C-alpha atoms as a PDB file:
ATOM      1  CA  MET A   1     -19.659  -8.506   7.204  1.00  0.00           C
ATOM      2  CA  ALA A   2     -16.869  -6.258   5.950  1.00  0.00           C
ATOM      3  CA  GLU A   3     -17.795  -3.613   3.482  1.00  0.00           C
ATOM      4  CA  PRO A   4     -15.833  -3.348   0.205  1.00  0.00           C
ATOM      5  CA  PRO A   5     -13.117  -0.904   1.390  1.00  0.00           C
ATOM      6  CA  HIS A   6     -12.352  -3.140   4.371  1.00  0.00           C
ATOM      7  CA  ALA A   7     -12.271  -6.248   2.224  1.00  0.00           C
ATOM      8  CA  MET A   8     -10.019  -4.545  -0.346  1.00  0.00           C
ATOM      9  CA  SER A   9      -7.686  -3.408   2.405  1.00  0.00           C
ATOM     10  CA  ILE A  10      -7.427  -6.877   3.913  1.00  0.00           C
ATOM     11  CA  CYS A  11      -6.841  -8.543   0.526  1.00  0.00           C
ATOM     12  CA  PHE A  12      -4.295  -5.988  -0.630  1.00  0.00           C
ATOM     13  CA  SER A  13      -2.404  -6.235   2.650  1.00  0.00           C
ATOM     14  CA  ALA A  14      -2.367 -10.042   2.426  1.00  0.00           C
ATOM     15  CA  ILE A  15      -1.005  -9.943  -1.128  1.00  0.00           C
ATOM     16  CA  TRP A  16       1.611  -7.348  -0.208  1.00  0.00           C
ATOM     17  CA  TRP A  17       2.752  -9.355   2.833  1.00  0.00           C
ATOM     18  CA  TYR A  18       3.056 -12.466   0.674  1.00  0.00           C
ATOM     19  CA  VAL A  19       5.110 -10.675  -1.979  1.00  0.00           C
ATOM     20  CA  VAL A  20       7.369  -8.909   0.514  1.00  0.00           C
ATOM     21  CA  PHE A  21       8.206 -11.973   2.580  1.00  0.00           C
ATOM     22  CA  HIS A  22       8.732 -14.487  -0.258  1.00  0.00           C
ATOM     23  CA  GLN A  23      12.122 -14.340  -1.920  1.00  0.00           C
ATOM     24  CA  GLY A  24      12.112 -13.747  -5.649  1.00  0.00           C
ATOM     25  CA  MET A  25       8.690 -12.141  -5.882  1.00  0.00           C
ATOM     26  CA  LEU A  26      10.043  -8.581  -6.157  1.00  0.00           C
ATOM     27  CA  ASP A  27      12.529  -7.038  -8.549  1.00  0.00           C
ATOM     28  CA  ALA A  28      16.072  -7.598  -7.296  1.00  0.00           C
ATOM     29  CA  ARG A  29      16.813  -3.871  -7.728  1.00  0.00           C
ATOM     30  CA  LEU A  30      14.465  -2.980  -4.867  1.00  0.00           C
ATOM     31  CA  GLU A  31      16.032  -2.603  -1.457  1.00  0.00           C
ATOM     32  CA  ARG A  32      14.582  -5.313   0.789  1.00  0.00           C
ATOM     33  CA  GLU A  33      14.592  -3.183   3.944  1.00  0.00           C
ATOM     34  CA  ALA A  34      12.773  -0.320   2.204  1.00  0.00           C
ATOM     35  CA  VAL A  35      10.176  -2.771   0.938  1.00  0.00           C
ATOM     36  CA  ARG A  36       9.690  -4.244   4.423  1.00  0.00           C
ATOM     37  CA  ARG A  37       9.277  -0.762   5.876  1.00  0.00           C
ATOM     38  CA  SER A  38       6.410  -0.207   3.425  1.00  0.00           C
ATOM     39  CA  VAL A  39       4.289  -2.995   4.971  1.00  0.00           C
ATOM     40  CA  PRO A  40       2.791  -0.907   7.813  1.00  0.00           C
ATOM     41  CA  ARG A  41       2.134   1.999   5.453  1.00  0.00           C
ATOM     42  CA  PHE A  42       0.055  -0.211   3.169  1.00  0.00           C
ATOM     43  CA  GLY A  43      -1.572  -2.105   6.038  1.00  0.00           C
ATOM     44  CA  ILE A  44      -2.870   0.985   7.790  1.00  0.00           C
ATOM     45  CA  GLY A  45      -5.716   1.189   5.282  1.00  0.00           C
ATOM     46  CA  PHE A  46      -7.888  -1.202   7.277  1.00  0.00           C
ATOM     47  CA  VAL A  47      -7.619   0.943  10.401  1.00  0.00           C
ATOM     48  CA  ALA A  48      -8.302   4.106   8.397  1.00  0.00           C
ATOM     49  CA  TYR A  49     -11.359   2.588   6.685  1.00  0.00           C
ATOM     50  CA  ALA A  50     -12.742   1.253   9.977  1.00  0.00           C
ATOM     51  CA  GLY A  51     -12.314   4.597  11.733  1.00  0.00           C
ATOM     52  CA  THR A  52     -13.851   6.473   8.828  1.00  0.00           C
ATOM     53  CA  THR A  53     -16.816   4.114   8.743  1.00  0.00           C
ATOM     54  CA  LEU A  54     -17.405   4.652  12.459  1.00  0.00           C
ATOM     55  CA  SER A  55     -17.161   8.422  11.992  1.00  0.00           C
ATOM     56  CA  ALA A  56     -20.116   8.213   9.591  1.00  0.00           C
ATOM     57  CA  PHE A  57     -22.382   7.577  12.574  1.00  0.00           C
ATOM     58  CA  VAL A  58     -21.351  10.948  13.995  1.00  0.00           C
ATOM     59  CA  SER A  59     -20.972  12.994  10.819  1.00  0.00           C
ATOM     60  CA  PRO A  60     -21.643  11.601   7.341  1.00  0.00           C
ATOM     61  CA  LEU A  61     -19.984  14.649   5.756  1.00  0.00           C
ATOM     62  CA  ALA A  62     -16.822  14.090   7.807  1.00  0.00           C
ATOM     63  CA  ALA A  63     -16.792  10.441   6.737  1.00  0.00           C
ATOM     64  CA  LEU A  64     -17.124  11.439   3.095  1.00  0.00           C
ATOM     65  CA  ILE A  65     -14.213  13.862   3.446  1.00  0.00           C
ATOM     66  CA  LEU A  66     -12.104  11.254   5.248  1.00  0.00           C
ATOM     67  CA  PHE A  67     -12.810   8.622   2.572  1.00  0.00           C
ATOM     68  CA  GLY A  68     -11.707  11.190  -0.015  1.00  0.00           C
ATOM     69  CA  LEU A  69      -8.495  11.839   1.900  1.00  0.00           C
ATOM     70  CA  ILE A  70      -7.793   8.109   2.130  1.00  0.00           C
ATOM     71  CA  ALA A  71      -8.323   7.823  -1.633  1.00  0.00           C
ATOM     72  CA  LEU A  72      -5.891  10.693  -2.202  1.00  0.00           C
ATOM     73  CA  TYR A  73      -3.322   9.048   0.050  1.00  0.00           C
ATOM     74  CA  TYR A  74      -3.474   5.809  -1.913  1.00  0.00           C
ATOM     75  CA  ALA A  75      -3.610   7.607  -5.276  1.00  0.00           C
ATOM     76  CA  PHE A  76       0.062   8.430  -4.980  1.00  0.00           C
ATOM     77  CA  GLU A  77       2.701   5.807  -5.527  1.00  0.00           C
ATOM     78  CA  HIS A  78       4.164   4.601  -2.230  1.00  0.00           C
ATOM     79  CA  ARG A  79       6.379   1.825  -3.452  1.00  0.00           C
ATOM     80  CA  PRO A  80      10.096   2.018  -2.723  1.00  0.00           C
ATOM     81  CA  ALA A  81      12.231   3.342  -5.561  1.00  0.00           C
ATOM     82  CA  ALA A  82      14.612   1.069  -7.425  1.00  0.00           C
ATOM     83  CA  ARG A  83      18.326   1.496  -6.816  1.00  0.00           C
ATOM     84  CA  GLU A  84      20.451   3.020  -9.545  1.00  0.00           C
ATOM     85  CA  LEU A  85      21.165   0.590 -12.359  1.00  0.00           C
ATOM     86  CA  ASP A  86      24.720  -0.169 -13.408  1.00  0.00           C
ATOM     87  CA  ALA A  87      25.817   1.937 -16.376  1.00  0.00           C
ATOM     88  CA  ASP A  88      27.072  -1.080 -18.367  1.00  0.00           C
ATOM     89  CA  ALA A  89      24.516  -3.671 -17.384  1.00  0.00           C
ATOM     90  CA  GLY A  90      24.272  -4.752 -21.012  1.00  0.00           C
ATOM     91  CA  PRO A  91      21.750  -4.340 -23.797  1.00  0.00           C
ATOM     92  CA  GLY A  92      18.151  -4.223 -22.741  1.00  0.00           C
ATOM     93  CA  ALA A  93      18.937  -3.677 -19.049  1.00  0.00           C
ATOM     94  CA  GLY A  94      16.578  -1.423 -17.172  1.00  0.00           C
END
């Protein structure tokens, strides 16, 4: 049975894949190619969590440090930035 970090990673990756590959789910200002390039970066969490869990059998302290590093990695925003908005896009734009 997968532990919570593995389950979270799998669920988040599934949601992200769904959003990325279904037209209209993301803001039109986001560059599609940049968003698609983000898929592996978000999906690597499962591999990182699995490796860290296995490292706990060798060194629990190392596993704790690695889990902290993974948390720091995901604490920062990794979404692609929106393109510049048009200057006269109208009232309420952006």
